[in-house]
PDB file of N, CA and C in Angstrom:
ATOM      1  N   MET A   1     -42.350  30.608 -35.219  1.00  0.00           N
ATOM      2  CA  MET A   1     -41.345  29.962 -35.848  1.00  0.00           C
ATOM      3  C   MET A   1     -42.082  29.464 -37.344  1.00  0.00           C
ATOM      4  N   ALA A   2     -42.916  29.047 -36.344  1.00  0.00           N
ATOM      5  CA  ALA A   2     -44.242  28.400 -38.183  1.00  0.00           C
ATOM      6  C   ALA A   2     -43.759  29.316 -39.034  1.00  0.00           C
ATOM      7  N   THR A   3     -43.577  30.793 -38.639  1.00  0.00           N
ATOM      8  CA  THR A   3     -44.089  31.672 -39.763  1.00  0.00           C
ATOM      9  C   THR A   3     -42.757  32.081 -40.904  1.00  0.00           C
ATOM     10  N   LEU A   4     -42.076  31.985 -39.946  1.00  0.00           N
ATOM     11  CA  LEU A   4     -40.371  31.542 -39.975  1.00  0.00           C
ATOM     12  C   LEU A   4     -40.258  30.992 -41.246  1.00  0.00           C
ATOM     13  N   THR A   5     -40.819  29.527 -40.433  1.00  0.00           N
ATOM     14  CA  THR A   5     -40.295  28.326 -41.474  1.00  0.00           C
ATOM     15  C   THR A   5     -41.278  28.078 -42.851  1.00  0.00           C
ATOM     16  N   THR A   6     -42.336  29.192 -43.029  1.00  0.00           N
ATOM     17  CA  THR A   6     -42.926  29.239 -44.400  1.00  0.00           C
ATOM     18  C   THR A   6     -42.614  30.273 -45.095  1.00  0.00           C
ATOM     19  N   GLY A   7     -41.501  30.709 -44.477  1.00  0.00           N
ATOM     20  CA  GLY A   7     -41.524  31.590 -45.740  1.00  0.00           C
ATOM     21  C   GLY A   7     -40.145  31.135 -46.219  1.00  0.00           C
ATOM     22  N   ILE A   8     -39.081  29.772 -44.985  1.00  0.00           N
ATOM     23  CA  ILE A   8     -38.488  29.613 -46.270  1.00  0.00           C
ATOM     24  C   ILE A   8     -38.209  28.527 -47.197  1.00  0.00           C
ATOM     25  N   VAL A   9     -39.334  27.808 -46.632  1.00  0.00           N
ATOM     26  CA  VAL A   9     -40.365  26.790 -48.380  1.00  0.00           C
ATOM     27  C   VAL A   9     -40.830  27.868 -48.783  1.00  0.00           C
ATOM     28  N   LEU A  10     -40.999  28.445 -49.525  1.00  0.00           N
ATOM     29  CA  LEU A  10     -41.510  29.171 -49.655  1.00  0.00           C
ATOM     30  C   LEU A  10     -40.367  30.110 -50.927  1.00  0.00           C
ATOM     31  N   MET A  11     -39.661  30.294 -50.284  1.00  0.00           N
ATOM     32  CA  MET A  11     -38.390  30.823 -51.278  1.00  0.00           C
ATOM     33  C   MET A  11     -37.852  30.217 -51.474  1.00  0.00           C
ATOM     34  N   ARG A  12     -37.226  28.691 -50.820  1.00  0.00           N
ATOM     35  CA  ARG A  12     -37.228  27.907 -52.014  1.00  0.00           C
ATOM     36  C   ARG A  12     -37.939  26.887 -53.099  1.00  0.00           C
ATOM     37  N   TRP A  13     -39.313  28.010 -52.982  1.00  0.00           N
ATOM     38  CA  TRP A  13     -39.904  27.457 -54.041  1.00  0.00           C
ATOM     39  C   TRP A  13     -39.723  27.689 -55.023  1.00  0.00           C
ATOM     40  N   GLN A  14     -39.709  29.549 -54.565  1.00  0.00           N
ATOM     41  CA  GLN A  14     -39.348  30.081 -56.268  1.00  0.00           C
ATOM     42  C   GLN A  14     -38.324  30.026 -56.618  1.00  0.00           C
ATOM     43  N   LEU A  15     -37.172  30.177 -55.430  1.00  0.00           N
ATOM     44  CA  LEU A  15     -36.290  30.237 -56.713  1.00  0.00           C
ATOM     45  C   LEU A  15     -36.239  28.903 -57.183  1.00  0.00           C
ATOM     46  N   THR A  16     -36.374  27.311 -57.079  1.00  0.00           N
ATOM     47  CA  THR A  16     -36.473  25.756 -57.838  1.00  0.00           C
ATOM     48  C   THR A  16     -37.537  25.752 -58.586  1.00  0.00           C
ATOM     49  N   SER A  17     -38.757  26.434 -58.081  1.00  0.00           N
ATOM     50  CA  SER A  17     -39.182  26.858 -59.984  1.00  0.00           C
ATOM     51  C   SER A  17     -38.202  28.189 -60.579  1.00  0.00           C
ATOM     52  N   ALA A  18     -37.527  28.572 -60.359  1.00  0.00           N
ATOM     53  CA  ALA A  18     -37.082  29.606 -61.156  1.00  0.00           C
ATOM     54  C   ALA A  18     -35.503  28.729 -62.025  1.00  0.00           C
ATOM     55  N   LEU A  19     -35.207  28.312 -61.261  1.00  0.00           N
ATOM     56  CA  LEU A  19     -34.510  27.344 -62.014  1.00  0.00           C
ATOM     57  C   LEU A  19     -34.657  26.246 -62.893  1.00  0.00           C
ATOM     58  N   LEU A  20     -36.560  25.910 -62.655  1.00  0.00           N
ATOM     59  CA  LEU A  20     -36.788  24.588 -63.552  1.00  0.00           C
ATOM     60  C   LEU A  20     -37.362  25.473 -65.683  1.00  0.00           C
ATOM     61  N   MET A  21     -37.707  26.484 -64.440  1.00  0.00           N
ATOM     62  CA  MET A  21     -38.200  26.886 -65.354  1.00  0.00           C
ATOM     63  C   MET A  21     -36.619  27.889 -66.824  1.00  0.00           C
ATOM     64  N   PHE A  22     -36.653  28.466 -65.997  1.00  0.00           N
ATOM     65  CA  PHE A  22     -34.373  28.471 -66.751  1.00  0.00           C
ATOM     66  C   PHE A  22     -34.430  27.260 -67.506  1.00  0.00           C
ATOM     67  N   ILE A  23     -34.471  25.922 -67.207  1.00  0.00           N
ATOM     68  CA  ILE A  23     -33.466  25.078 -67.867  1.00  0.00           C
ATOM     69  C   ILE A  23     -34.621  24.136 -68.919  1.00  0.00           C
ATOM     70  N   ALA A  24     -35.831  23.779 -68.930  1.00  0.00           N
ATOM     71  CA  ALA A  24     -36.652  24.037 -69.314  1.00  0.00           C
ATOM     72  C   ALA A  24     -36.635  24.673 -70.415  1.00  0.00           C
ATOM     73  N   SER A  25     -36.596  26.112 -70.371  1.00  0.00           N
ATOM     74  CA  SER A  25     -35.801  26.692 -71.575  1.00  0.00           C
ATOM     75  C   SER A  25     -34.609  27.069 -72.264  1.00  0.00           C
ATOM     76  N   THR A  26     -33.808  27.016 -71.336  1.00  0.00           N
ATOM     77  CA  THR A  26     -32.713  26.443 -72.868  1.00  0.00           C
ATOM     78  C   THR A  26     -32.202  24.787 -73.544  1.00  0.00           C
ATOM     79  N   LEU A  27     -33.151  23.987 -72.590  1.00  0.00           N
ATOM     80  CA  LEU A  27     -33.604  22.949 -73.566  1.00  0.00           C
ATOM     81  C   LEU A  27     -34.908  22.884 -74.344  1.00  0.00           C
ATOM     82  N   ASN A  28     -36.082  24.039 -74.353  1.00  0.00           N
ATOM     83  CA  ASN A  28     -36.313  24.066 -75.778  1.00  0.00           C
ATOM     84  C   ASN A  28     -35.437  25.018 -76.444  1.00  0.00           C
ATOM     85  N   ILE A  29     -34.621  25.923 -76.113  1.00  0.00           N
ATOM     86  CA  ILE A  29     -34.214  25.661 -77.343  1.00  0.00           C
ATOM     87  C   ILE A  29     -32.982  25.064 -78.493  1.00  0.00           C
ATOM     88  N   GLN A  30     -32.082  24.699 -77.347  1.00  0.00           N
ATOM     89  CA  GLN A  30     -31.665  23.491 -78.066  1.00  0.00           C
ATOM     90  C   GLN A  30     -31.926  22.656 -79.293  1.00  0.00           C
ATOM     91  N   LEU A  31     -33.581  21.740 -78.741  1.00  0.00           N
ATOM     92  CA  LEU A  31     -34.804  20.861 -78.759  1.00  0.00           C
ATOM     93  C   LEU A  31     -35.265  21.759 -80.338  1.00  0.00           C
ATOM     94  N   ARG A  32     -34.997  22.852 -80.032  1.00  0.00           N
ATOM     95  CA  ARG A  32     -35.629  23.524 -81.648  1.00  0.00           C
ATOM     96  C   ARG A  32     -34.056  23.639 -82.588  1.00  0.00           C
ATOM     97  N   LYS A  33     -33.181  24.035 -82.325  1.00  0.00           N
ATOM     98  CA  LYS A  33     -31.912  23.997 -82.727  1.00  0.00           C
ATOM     99  C   LYS A  33     -31.887  22.347 -84.331  1.00  0.00           C
ATOM    100  N   PHE A  34     -32.202  21.761 -82.941  1.00  0.00           N
ATOM    101  CA  PHE A  34     -31.825  20.028 -84.178  1.00  0.00           C
ATOM    102  C   PHE A  34     -32.678  19.268 -84.565  1.00  0.00           C
ATOM    103  N   ASP A  35     -33.658  20.570 -85.059  1.00  0.00           N
ATOM    104  CA  ASP A  35     -35.396  19.391 -85.170  1.00  0.00           C
ATOM    105  C   ASP A  35     -36.010  18.663 -84.628  1.00  0.00           C
ATOM    106  N   HIS A  36     -36.473  18.701 -83.236  1.00  0.00           N
ATOM    107  CA  HIS A  36     -36.672  18.237 -82.663  1.00  0.00           C
ATOM    108  C   HIS A  36     -38.296  18.768 -81.582  1.00  0.00           C
ATOM    109  N   GLY A  37     -39.251  18.868 -82.234  1.00  0.00           N
ATOM    110  CA  GLY A  37     -39.910  19.788 -81.685  1.00  0.00           C
ATOM    111  C   GLY A  37     -40.654  18.929 -81.049  1.00  0.00           C
ATOM    112  N   VAL A  38     -41.019  17.363 -80.948  1.00  0.00           N
ATOM    113  CA  VAL A  38     -42.328  17.183 -79.942  1.00  0.00           C
ATOM    114  C   VAL A  38     -41.454  17.391 -79.194  1.00  0.00           C
ATOM    115  N   MET A  39     -40.110  17.504 -78.830  1.00  0.00           N
ATOM    116  CA  MET A  39     -39.643  16.973 -77.416  1.00  0.00           C
ATOM    117  C   MET A  39     -39.339  18.511 -77.130  1.00  0.00           C
ATOM    118  N   ALA A  40     -39.600  19.572 -77.866  1.00  0.00           N
ATOM    119  CA  ALA A  40     -39.690  20.702 -77.306  1.00  0.00           C
ATOM    120  C   ALA A  40     -41.253  20.968 -76.915  1.00  0.00           C
ATOM    121  N   PHE A  41     -41.632  20.669 -77.458  1.00  0.00           N
ATOM    122  CA  PHE A  41     -42.954  21.230 -77.042  1.00  0.00           C
ATOM    123  C   PHE A  41     -43.321  20.632 -75.501  1.00  0.00           C
ATOM    124  N   PHE A  42     -43.162  19.324 -75.084  1.00  0.00           N
ATOM    125  CA  PHE A  42     -42.481  18.459 -73.533  1.00  0.00           C
ATOM    126  C   PHE A  42     -41.405  19.883 -72.380  1.00  0.00           C
ATOM    127  N   ALA A  43     -40.202  20.308 -73.317  1.00  0.00           N
ATOM    128  CA  ALA A  43     -39.917  21.221 -72.033  1.00  0.00           C
ATOM    129  C   ALA A  43     -40.589  22.149 -72.452  1.00  0.00           C
ATOM    130  N   SER A  44     -41.335  22.413 -72.627  1.00  0.00           N
ATOM    131  CA  SER A  44     -42.232  24.310 -72.544  1.00  0.00           C
ATOM    132  C   SER A  44     -43.107  23.677 -71.781  1.00  0.00           C
ATOM    133  N   GLY A  45     -43.932  22.289 -71.521  1.00  0.00           N
ATOM    134  CA  GLY A  45     -44.549  22.577 -70.622  1.00  0.00           C
ATOM    135  C   GLY A  45     -44.097  22.424 -69.008  1.00  0.00           C
ATOM    136  N   ILE A  46     -42.979  21.733 -69.431  1.00  0.00           N
ATOM    137  CA  ILE A  46     -42.341  21.913 -67.667  1.00  0.00           C
ATOM    138  C   ILE A  46     -41.672  23.387 -67.513  1.00  0.00           C
ATOM    139  N   GLY A  47     -41.808  24.043 -68.330  1.00  0.00           N
ATOM    140  CA  GLY A  47     -41.406  25.458 -67.936  1.00  0.00           C
ATOM    141  C   GLY A  47     -42.652  26.282 -67.274  1.00  0.00           C
ATOM    142  N   ILE A  48     -43.530  25.519 -68.558  1.00  0.00           N
ATOM    143  CA  ILE A  48     -45.324  26.159 -68.002  1.00  0.00           C
ATOM    144  C   ILE A  48     -45.277  25.777 -66.509  1.00  0.00           C
ATOM    145  N   ALA A  49     -45.009  24.153 -65.906  1.00  0.00           N
ATOM    146  CA  ALA A  49     -46.031  23.558 -65.517  1.00  0.00           C
ATOM    147  C   ALA A  49     -44.837  23.927 -63.647  1.00  0.00           C
ATOM    148  N   ALA A  50     -43.705  24.627 -64.134  1.00  0.00           N
ATOM    149  CA  ALA A  50     -42.948  24.428 -63.398  1.00  0.00           C
ATOM    150  C   ALA A  50     -43.329  26.604 -62.326  1.00  0.00           C
TER     151      ALA A  50
END
């Protein structure tokens, strides 16, 4: 039972991490379009941390 629970938690973390990286990438592209370099840098940091 513990193995199953651990597997589910790890699977959710991978999905959450992928979603965070996608959002950070999209945000980074939008911020660079509007010339907000510093905020784009922080968005990149969020993607790397995820």
